[in-house]
Amino acid sequence: MLPELVLLPSPLLGRSVWQPAAKQLRRAGWSATVAAGPAAPSTPDEVLRSYLDSIRTDAEVVLVPHSNAGLYVPRLIAERDVVATVFVDAALPPDAGSVPLAPAGMDEFLAARADEDGLLPPWTQWWEDGDLDGLFPSRAARTLVEREQPRLPLTYFRTTLPVSAGWADTPGAYLAFGDTYADERHQAGEHGWPVRTLPGRHLHMLAEPRQVATAVTDLLASLGLQSSR
């Protein structure tokens, strides 16, 4: 049997960012589902539990994480039958130890945006309007994504996740959109994983779902995994 592809949206976003690409992957012969995150996450454990609840325990799966969902991959590999991971413009954990949920130097940026209760606005409100130009393929797509965005507490980003040693021995690949995750792309190459870059912004799978589905399929083929077509 083919493994099931489980597309993991960032905890800051909802399932709609992956749905168009999931549809294209199904058309290409894959079984593809989009994991659900918690409606109002406040801790990494809540996010992890929601991801785990979306992954079957009786089948092999391929994880396809986007953005900060990549940080959860070691824990998911430890608890599910993961045969491969394709990181898509995603954070990469270290090989072992622990990993912060926000990059170094990000705390001041986030603290300036938190309200008096320490709650951050939805992700698209972190940025100036010009920063989001071209990110969404349509106004309707942006509205759908913004409707699903949770608000996370600042404390979430001041937490670290434990990293299960040996997770990087599971076959992996990396798909980047532009150069925002250039360091992660380089790290993936050092693991010996196949790497591909598509010109685009962080939500390119929403803007060009067929192109992204094709790139994911090609990377899976590089790992010896073929769809039913």
Protein backbone atom coordinates (compact mmCIF):
# COMPACT_ATOMS: atom_id res chain seq x y z
CA MET A 1 0.00 0.00 0.00
CA LEU A 2 1.07 3.56 -0.64
CA PRO A 3 1.84 5.67 2.42
CA GLU A 4 -0.64 8.39 3.22
CA LEU A 5 0.58 11.97 2.82
CA VAL A 6 -0.23 14.09 5.87
CA LEU A 7 0.09 17.81 5.15
CA LEU A 8 0.83 19.78 8.31
CA PRO A 9 -0.11 23.48 8.38
CA SER A 10 1.75 25.86 10.66
CA PRO A 11 0.18 26.23 14.13
CA LEU A 12 -0.29 29.90 13.14
CA LEU A 13 -2.48 29.03 10.17
CA GLY A 14 -5.38 26.75 9.35
CA ARG A 15 -6.00 23.83 7.02
CA SER A 16 -7.06 26.02 4.09
CA VAL A 17 -3.44 26.84 3.19
CA TRP A 18 -2.91 23.17 2.22
CA GLN A 19 -6.31 22.19 0.83
CA PRO A 20 -5.74 23.16 -2.85
CA ALA A 21 -2.42 21.28 -2.97
CA ALA A 22 -3.99 18.28 -1.22
CA LYS A 23 -6.60 18.17 -3.97
CA GLN A 24 -3.87 18.19 -6.62
CA LEU A 25 -1.95 15.44 -4.85
CA ARG A 26 -5.06 13.26 -4.80
CA ARG A 27 -5.46 13.84 -8.52
CA ALA A 28 -1.88 12.65 -8.92
CA GLY A 29 -2.74 9.36 -7.25
CA TRP A 30 -1.79 10.00 -3.63
CA SER A 31 -3.89 9.59 -0.52
CA ALA A 32 -3.50 13.03 1.06
CA THR A 33 -5.03 14.53 4.16
CA VAL A 34 -4.55 17.88 5.85
CA ALA A 35 -3.96 17.73 9.58
CA ALA A 36 -6.02 19.92 11.87
CA GLY A 37 -4.44 22.12 14.48
CA PRO A 38 -6.17 23.13 17.71
CA ALA A 39 -8.61 26.02 17.41
CA ALA A 40 -6.92 28.00 20.17
CA PRO A 41 -3.50 26.50 20.95
CA SER A 42 -1.62 27.77 23.96
CA THR A 43 1.11 25.15 24.39
CA PRO A 44 3.24 22.98 22.08
CA ASP A 45 1.73 19.86 23.67
CA GLU A 46 -1.72 20.94 22.45
CA VAL A 47 -0.39 21.40 18.93
CA LEU A 48 1.42 18.05 19.02
CA ARG A 49 -1.68 16.24 20.26
CA SER A 50 -3.80 17.76 17.50
CA TYR A 51 -1.29 16.68 14.84
CA LEU A 52 -1.10 13.17 16.31
CA ASP A 53 -4.88 12.89 16.33
CA SER A 54 -4.83 13.62 12.58
CA ILE A 55 -2.33 10.85 11.78
CA ARG A 56 -3.41 7.25 11.49
CA THR A 57 -1.81 4.74 13.81
CA ASP A 58 -2.41 1.76 11.49
CA ALA A 59 -0.64 2.92 8.32
CA GLU A 60 2.64 4.27 7.03
CA VAL A 61 2.63 8.03 6.48
CA VAL A 62 4.70 10.72 4.82
CA LEU A 63 4.75 14.03 6.66
CA VAL A 64 4.62 17.24 4.62
CA PRO A 65 5.08 20.08 7.13
CA HIS A 66 4.98 23.77 6.30
CA SER A 67 6.66 26.58 8.24
CA ASN A 68 6.84 26.01 12.02
CA ALA A 69 5.09 22.65 11.73
CA GLY A 70 8.52 21.36 10.76
CA LEU A 71 9.66 21.65 14.37
CA TYR A 72 7.20 18.94 15.41
CA VAL A 73 8.51 16.32 13.01
CA PRO A 74 10.89 14.56 15.47
CA ARG A 75 8.08 14.03 17.99
CA LEU A 76 5.72 12.80 15.27
CA ILE A 77 8.33 10.37 13.93
CA ALA A 78 8.76 9.01 17.46
CA GLU A 79 5.04 8.28 17.79
CA ARG A 80 3.82 7.35 14.32
CA ASP A 81 4.98 5.10 11.45
CA VAL A 82 6.63 7.85 9.39
CA VAL A 83 8.49 6.59 6.31
CA ALA A 84 9.57 9.98 4.95
CA THR A 85 9.20 13.73 5.39
CA VAL A 86 9.07 16.46 2.76
CA PHE A 87 9.66 19.80 4.46
CA VAL A 88 7.97 22.64 2.55
CA ASP A 89 9.39 26.11 3.29
CA ALA A 90 9.65 24.83 6.83
CA ALA A 91 11.77 25.09 9.94
CA LEU A 92 14.21 22.21 10.44
CA PRO A 93 14.94 20.91 13.93
CA PRO A 94 18.47 20.07 15.05
CA ASP A 95 19.51 16.42 15.09
CA ALA A 96 18.93 16.14 18.85
CA GLY A 97 18.44 18.18 22.01
CA SER A 98 15.75 20.85 21.90
CA VAL A 99 14.58 23.63 19.62
CA PRO A 100 13.00 27.02 20.43
CA LEU A 101 9.62 27.77 18.89
CA ALA A 102 10.79 31.21 17.77
CA PRO A 103 14.09 32.07 16.08
CA ALA A 104 16.76 33.90 18.04
CA GLY A 105 16.07 37.63 18.15
CA MET A 106 12.32 37.25 17.49
CA ASP A 107 11.17 37.81 21.07
CA GLU A 108 11.28 41.61 20.93
CA PHE A 109 9.31 41.62 17.67
CA LEU A 110 6.63 39.37 19.17
CA ALA A 111 6.47 41.09 22.56
CA ALA A 112 5.76 44.42 20.85
CA ARG A 113 2.66 42.89 19.24
CA ALA A 114 1.18 41.09 22.23
CA ASP A 115 -1.80 42.61 24.04
CA GLU A 116 -1.99 43.24 27.77
CA ASP A 117 -2.95 39.60 28.34
CA GLY A 118 0.09 38.39 26.41
CA LEU A 119 -1.97 37.25 23.43
CA LEU A 120 -0.65 37.83 19.91
CA PRO A 121 -2.83 38.95 17.02
CA PRO A 122 -3.46 36.55 14.11
CA TRP A 123 -0.36 35.98 12.00
CA THR A 124 -1.33 38.22 9.06
CA GLN A 125 -1.67 41.13 11.50
CA TRP A 126 1.97 40.82 12.54
CA TRP A 127 3.03 42.53 9.33
CA GLU A 128 2.51 45.75 7.38
CA ASP A 129 0.06 45.46 4.49
CA GLY A 130 2.87 45.82 1.97
CA ASP A 131 4.63 42.80 3.46
CA LEU A 132 1.68 40.64 2.43
CA ASP A 133 1.43 41.87 -1.16
CA GLY A 134 1.39 38.90 -3.51
CA LEU A 135 1.14 36.35 -0.69
CA PHE A 136 -2.44 35.34 -1.49
CA PRO A 137 -3.78 34.42 -4.92
CA SER A 138 -7.08 36.22 -4.30
CA ARG A 139 -9.00 38.23 -1.76
CA ALA A 140 -11.26 35.22 -1.18
CA ALA A 141 -8.25 33.02 -0.39
CA ARG A 142 -6.93 35.57 2.08
CA THR A 143 -10.32 35.86 3.77
CA LEU A 144 -10.51 32.08 4.18
CA VAL A 145 -7.02 31.85 5.64
CA GLU A 146 -7.60 34.77 8.00
CA ARG A 147 -10.85 33.24 9.22
CA GLU A 148 -8.94 30.16 10.40
CA GLN A 149 -5.95 31.84 12.04
CA PRO A 150 -5.69 31.22 15.78
CA ARG A 151 -4.20 33.67 18.25
CA LEU A 152 -1.28 32.26 20.18
CA PRO A 153 0.10 33.51 23.49
CA LEU A 154 3.56 35.01 23.66
CA THR A 155 4.49 32.26 26.13
CA TYR A 156 4.12 29.69 23.35
CA PHE A 157 7.06 31.21 21.50
CA ARG A 158 9.17 31.28 24.65
CA THR A 159 9.00 27.49 24.89
CA THR A 160 11.32 24.83 23.52
CA LEU A 161 10.45 21.46 22.03
CA PRO A 162 12.47 18.34 22.85
CA VAL A 163 13.99 16.74 19.77
CA SER A 164 14.07 12.96 19.57
CA ALA A 165 17.55 11.78 18.59
CA GLY A 166 17.73 9.84 15.35
CA TRP A 167 14.75 11.49 13.69
CA ALA A 168 16.90 12.70 10.78
CA ASP A 169 17.69 9.09 9.86
CA THR A 170 14.18 8.90 8.41
CA PRO A 171 14.35 9.74 4.67
CA GLY A 172 13.69 13.41 4.02
CA ALA A 173 13.52 16.05 1.32
CA TYR A 174 13.23 19.82 1.25
CA LEU A 175 11.12 22.12 -0.96
CA ALA A 176 11.87 25.83 -0.58
CA PHE A 177 9.93 28.80 -1.87
CA GLY A 178 12.58 31.38 -2.73
CA ASP A 179 15.41 31.98 -0.27
CA THR A 180 13.65 32.76 3.03
CA TYR A 181 14.62 29.33 4.35
CA ALA A 182 18.02 29.22 2.68
CA ASP A 183 19.75 28.04 5.86
CA GLU A 184 17.29 25.19 6.27
CA ARG A 185 17.67 24.26 2.61
CA HIS A 186 21.44 24.09 3.11
CA GLN A 187 20.99 21.99 6.25
CA ALA A 188 18.77 19.58 4.30
CA GLY A 189 21.47 19.28 1.64
CA GLU A 190 24.02 18.45 4.31
CA HIS A 191 21.75 15.58 5.39
CA GLY A 192 22.05 14.30 1.84
CA TRP A 193 18.37 14.89 1.13
CA PRO A 194 17.02 15.89 -2.29
CA VAL A 195 16.35 19.63 -2.37
CA ARG A 196 14.33 21.77 -4.76
CA THR A 197 13.52 25.49 -4.88
CA LEU A 198 10.48 27.07 -6.50
CA PRO A 199 10.32 30.84 -7.01
CA GLY A 200 7.52 32.04 -4.78
CA ARG A 201 6.51 33.32 -1.39
CA HIS A 202 5.75 31.54 1.85
CA LEU A 203 2.22 30.44 0.85
CA HIS A 204 3.19 29.33 -2.65
CA MET A 205 1.25 26.07 -2.20
CA LEU A 206 -1.87 28.21 -1.97
CA ALA A 207 -0.93 30.35 -4.98
CA GLU A 208 0.33 27.51 -7.21
CA PRO A 209 -1.03 24.25 -5.79
CA ARG A 210 -0.46 22.16 -8.93
CA GLN A 211 3.16 23.25 -9.21
CA VAL A 212 3.79 22.50 -5.55
CA ALA A 213 2.03 19.12 -5.74
CA THR A 214 4.22 18.21 -8.73
CA ALA A 215 7.37 19.25 -6.86
CA VAL A 216 6.37 17.20 -3.79
CA THR A 217 5.66 14.20 -6.04
CA ASP A 218 9.05 14.57 -7.74
CA LEU A 219 10.84 14.74 -4.39
CA LEU A 220 9.00 11.65 -3.19
CA ALA A 221 10.10 9.86 -6.35
CA SER A 222 13.68 10.81 -5.45
CA LEU A 223 13.09 8.96 -2.17
CA GLY A 224 11.77 5.91 -4.01
CA LEU A 225 8.08 6.64 -3.39
CA GLN A 226 5.71 6.65 -6.35
CA SER A 227 2.01 7.45 -6.52
CA SER A 228 -0.56 5.03 -7.95
CA ARG A 229 -0.46 6.85 -11.33
